[in-house]
Amino acid sequence: MERSIEFPANLIHKLPKGKNFGLAGSISEDNIESIAKLGVKFCDLSSKLESKLGIKDHTKIKNFMYKLKQINENTSF
Protein backbone atom coordinates (compact mmCIF):
# COMPACT_ATOMS: atom_id res chain seq x y z
CA MET A 1 0.00 0.00 0.00
CA GLU A 2 1.37 3.41 -0.93
CA ARG A 3 0.96 6.57 1.08
CA SER A 4 -1.05 9.43 -0.35
CA ILE A 5 0.66 12.42 -1.91
CA GLU A 6 0.65 15.34 0.49
CA PHE A 7 -1.43 18.33 -0.55
CA PRO A 8 1.00 21.23 -1.06
CA ALA A 9 0.61 23.51 1.95
CA ASN A 10 1.31 26.59 -0.15
CA LEU A 11 -1.81 25.85 -2.23
CA ILE A 12 -4.29 25.48 0.64
CA HIS A 13 -4.96 29.23 0.75
CA LYS A 14 -5.74 29.18 -2.99
CA LEU A 15 -8.69 26.80 -2.66
CA PRO A 16 -12.09 28.47 -3.17
CA LYS A 17 -13.69 29.44 0.16
CA GLY A 18 -17.32 28.52 0.71
CA LYS A 19 -17.44 25.89 -2.03
CA ASN A 20 -18.61 22.36 -1.24
CA PHE A 21 -15.65 20.06 -1.65
CA GLY A 22 -13.71 17.46 0.26
CA LEU A 23 -10.01 17.29 0.88
CA ALA A 24 -7.74 14.28 1.30
CA GLY A 25 -4.02 13.80 1.66
CA SER A 26 -1.83 14.20 4.75
CA ILE A 27 -4.54 15.80 6.89
CA SER A 28 -3.51 15.97 10.53
CA GLU A 29 -4.11 17.94 13.72
CA ASP A 30 -1.23 20.18 12.61
CA ASN A 31 -3.03 21.46 9.51
CA ILE A 32 -6.76 20.96 10.21
CA GLU A 33 -7.15 24.53 11.47
CA SER A 34 -5.99 25.97 8.12
CA ILE A 35 -8.23 23.50 6.29
CA ALA A 36 -11.25 24.31 8.47
CA LYS A 37 -10.91 28.02 7.65
CA LEU A 38 -11.66 27.14 4.03
CA GLY A 39 -15.08 25.77 4.96
CA VAL A 40 -14.22 22.24 3.85
CA LYS A 41 -17.22 19.98 4.55
CA PHE A 42 -15.46 16.62 4.22
CA CYS A 43 -11.97 15.41 5.10
CA ASP A 44 -10.56 11.97 4.46
CA LEU A 45 -8.58 10.98 7.55
CA SER A 46 -5.23 10.22 6.08
CA SER A 47 -2.04 8.32 6.68
CA LYS A 48 -0.91 11.13 9.00
CA LEU A 49 -3.24 9.54 11.56
CA GLU A 50 -1.66 6.10 11.25
CA SER A 51 0.88 4.49 13.55
CA LYS A 52 1.86 2.01 10.82
CA LEU A 53 1.03 1.95 7.14
CA GLY A 54 -2.67 1.11 6.90
CA ILE A 55 -3.25 1.09 10.69
CA LYS A 56 -5.02 4.12 12.17
CA ASP A 57 -3.65 5.31 15.52
CA HIS A 58 -6.46 5.78 18.06
CA THR A 59 -4.52 8.41 20.01
CA LYS A 60 -3.79 10.46 16.87
CA ILE A 61 -7.46 10.26 15.85
CA LYS A 62 -8.58 11.25 19.36
CA ASN A 63 -6.22 14.26 19.33
CA PHE A 64 -7.39 15.19 15.81
CA MET A 65 -11.06 15.04 16.84
CA TYR A 66 -10.36 17.08 20.00
CA LYS A 67 -8.71 19.79 17.92
CA LEU A 68 -11.58 19.71 15.41
CA LYS A 69 -14.06 20.10 18.29
CA GLN A 70 -12.10 23.12 19.56
CA ILE A 71 -12.17 24.66 16.08
CA ASN A 72 -15.93 24.12 15.81
CA GLU A 73 -16.56 25.63 19.25
CA ASN A 74 -14.54 28.73 18.31
CA THR A 75 -16.15 29.21 14.89
CA SER A 76 -19.38 31.11 14.40
CA PHE A 77 -21.49 30.24 11.39
C-alpha atoms as a PDB file:
ATOM      1  CA  MET A   1       0.000   0.000   0.000  1.00  0.00           C
ATOM      2  CA  GLU A   2       1.366   3.414  -0.931  1.00  0.00           C
ATOM      3  CA  ARG A   3       0.963   6.574   1.081  1.00  0.00           C
ATOM      4  CA  SER A   4      -1.048   9.433  -0.352  1.00  0.00           C
ATOM      5  CA  ILE A   5       0.662  12.421  -1.910  1.00  0.00           C
ATOM      6  CA  GLU A   6       0.654  15.338   0.495  1.00  0.00           C
ATOM      7  CA  PHE A   7      -1.435  18.334  -0.554  1.00  0.00           C
ATOM      8  CA  PRO A   8       1.003  21.229  -1.060  1.00  0.00           C
ATOM      9  CA  ALA A   9       0.605  23.511   1.952  1.00  0.00           C
ATOM     10  CA  ASN A  10       1.312  26.592  -0.149  1.00  0.00           C
ATOM     11  CA  LEU A  11      -1.807  25.853  -2.231  1.00  0.00           C
ATOM     12  CA  ILE A  12      -4.286  25.483   0.638  1.00  0.00           C
ATOM     13  CA  HIS A  13      -4.962  29.232   0.754  1.00  0.00           C
ATOM     14  CA  LYS A  14      -5.736  29.181  -2.994  1.00  0.00           C
ATOM     15  CA  LEU A  15      -8.687  26.803  -2.658  1.00  0.00           C
ATOM     16  CA  PRO A  16     -12.090  28.472  -3.169  1.00  0.00           C
ATOM     17  CA  LYS A  17     -13.691  29.438   0.157  1.00  0.00           C
ATOM     18  CA  GLY A  18     -17.321  28.520   0.707  1.00  0.00           C
ATOM     19  CA  LYS A  19     -17.442  25.887  -2.027  1.00  0.00           C
ATOM     20  CA  ASN A  20     -18.612  22.358  -1.241  1.00  0.00           C
ATOM     21  CA  PHE A  21     -15.648  20.061  -1.648  1.00  0.00           C
ATOM     22  CA  GLY A  22     -13.710  17.459   0.263  1.00  0.00           C
ATOM     23  CA  LEU A  23     -10.014  17.293   0.877  1.00  0.00           C
ATOM     24  CA  ALA A  24      -7.744  14.282   1.296  1.00  0.00           C
ATOM     25  CA  GLY A  25      -4.019  13.797   1.657  1.00  0.00           C
ATOM     26  CA  SER A  26      -1.835  14.203   4.747  1.00  0.00           C
ATOM     27  CA  ILE A  27      -4.539  15.797   6.889  1.00  0.00           C
ATOM     28  CA  SER A  28      -3.513  15.973  10.530  1.00  0.00           C
ATOM     29  CA  GLU A  29      -4.105  17.936  13.721  1.00  0.00           C
ATOM     30  CA  ASP A  30      -1.226  20.178  12.609  1.00  0.00           C
ATOM     31  CA  ASN A  31      -3.027  21.460   9.506  1.00  0.00           C
ATOM     32  CA  ILE A  32      -6.760  20.958  10.209  1.00  0.00           C
ATOM     33  CA  GLU A  33      -7.153  24.533  11.467  1.00  0.00           C
ATOM     34  CA  SER A  34      -5.991  25.966   8.118  1.00  0.00           C
ATOM     35  CA  ILE A  35      -8.225  23.501   6.289  1.00  0.00           C
ATOM     36  CA  ALA A  36     -11.250  24.312   8.469  1.00  0.00           C
ATOM     37  CA  LYS A  37     -10.907  28.021   7.654  1.00  0.00           C
ATOM     38  CA  LEU A  38     -11.661  27.135   4.033  1.00  0.00           C
ATOM     39  CA  GLY A  39     -15.085  25.770   4.963  1.00  0.00           C
ATOM     40  CA  VAL A  40     -14.219  22.238   3.846  1.00  0.00           C
ATOM     41  CA  LYS A  41     -17.216  19.979   4.551  1.00  0.00           C
ATOM     42  CA  PHE A  42     -15.460  16.620   4.221  1.00  0.00           C
ATOM     43  CA  CYS A  43     -11.969  15.407   5.095  1.00  0.00           C
ATOM     44  CA  ASP A  44     -10.555  11.972   4.460  1.00  0.00           C
ATOM     45  CA  LEU A  45      -8.580  10.976   7.545  1.00  0.00           C
ATOM     46  CA  SER A  46      -5.231  10.215   6.078  1.00  0.00           C
ATOM     47  CA  SER A  47      -2.043   8.318   6.680  1.00  0.00           C
ATOM     48  CA  LYS A  48      -0.910  11.129   9.000  1.00  0.00           C
ATOM     49  CA  LEU A  49      -3.244   9.539  11.558  1.00  0.00           C
ATOM     50  CA  GLU A  50      -1.662   6.102  11.248  1.00  0.00           C
ATOM     51  CA  SER A  51       0.884   4.489  13.554  1.00  0.00           C
ATOM     52  CA  LYS A  52       1.863   2.006  10.820  1.00  0.00           C
ATOM     53  CA  LEU A  53       1.030   1.947   7.138  1.00  0.00           C
ATOM     54  CA  GLY A  54      -2.670   1.108   6.897  1.00  0.00           C
ATOM     55  CA  ILE A  55      -3.247   1.086  10.688  1.00  0.00           C
ATOM     56  CA  LYS A  56      -5.015   4.118  12.174  1.00  0.00           C
ATOM     57  CA  ASP A  57      -3.653   5.308  15.521  1.00  0.00           C
ATOM     58  CA  HIS A  58      -6.463   5.781  18.060  1.00  0.00           C
ATOM     59  CA  THR A  59      -4.524   8.414  20.008  1.00  0.00           C
ATOM     60  CA  LYS A  60      -3.789  10.456  16.873  1.00  0.00           C
ATOM     61  CA  ILE A  61      -7.460  10.258  15.850  1.00  0.00           C
ATOM     62  CA  LYS A  62      -8.580  11.255  19.359  1.00  0.00           C
ATOM     63  CA  ASN A  63      -6.216  14.264  19.331  1.00  0.00           C
ATOM     64  CA  PHE A  64      -7.392  15.192  15.814  1.00  0.00           C
ATOM     65  CA  MET A  65     -11.056  15.036  16.840  1.00  0.00           C
ATOM     66  CA  TYR A  66     -10.364  17.075  19.998  1.00  0.00           C
ATOM     67  CA  LYS A  67      -8.707  19.794  17.916  1.00  0.00           C
ATOM     68  CA  LEU A  68     -11.578  19.709  15.411  1.00  0.00           C
ATOM     69  CA  LYS A  69     -14.061  20.098  18.290  1.00  0.00           C
ATOM     70  CA  GLN A  70     -12.102  23.118  19.560  1.00  0.00           C
ATOM     71  CA  ILE A  71     -12.169  24.657  16.083  1.00  0.00           C
ATOM     72  CA  ASN A  72     -15.927  24.125  15.808  1.00  0.00           C
ATOM     73  CA  GLU A  73     -16.556  25.631  19.249  1.00  0.00           C
ATOM     74  CA  ASN A  74     -14.544  28.730  18.305  1.00  0.00           C
ATOM     75  CA  THR A  75     -16.148  29.214  14.893  1.00  0.00           C
ATOM     76  CA  SER A  76     -19.375  31.108  14.395  1.00  0.00           C
ATOM     77  CA  PHE A  77     -21.491  30.243  11.387  1.00  0.00           C
END
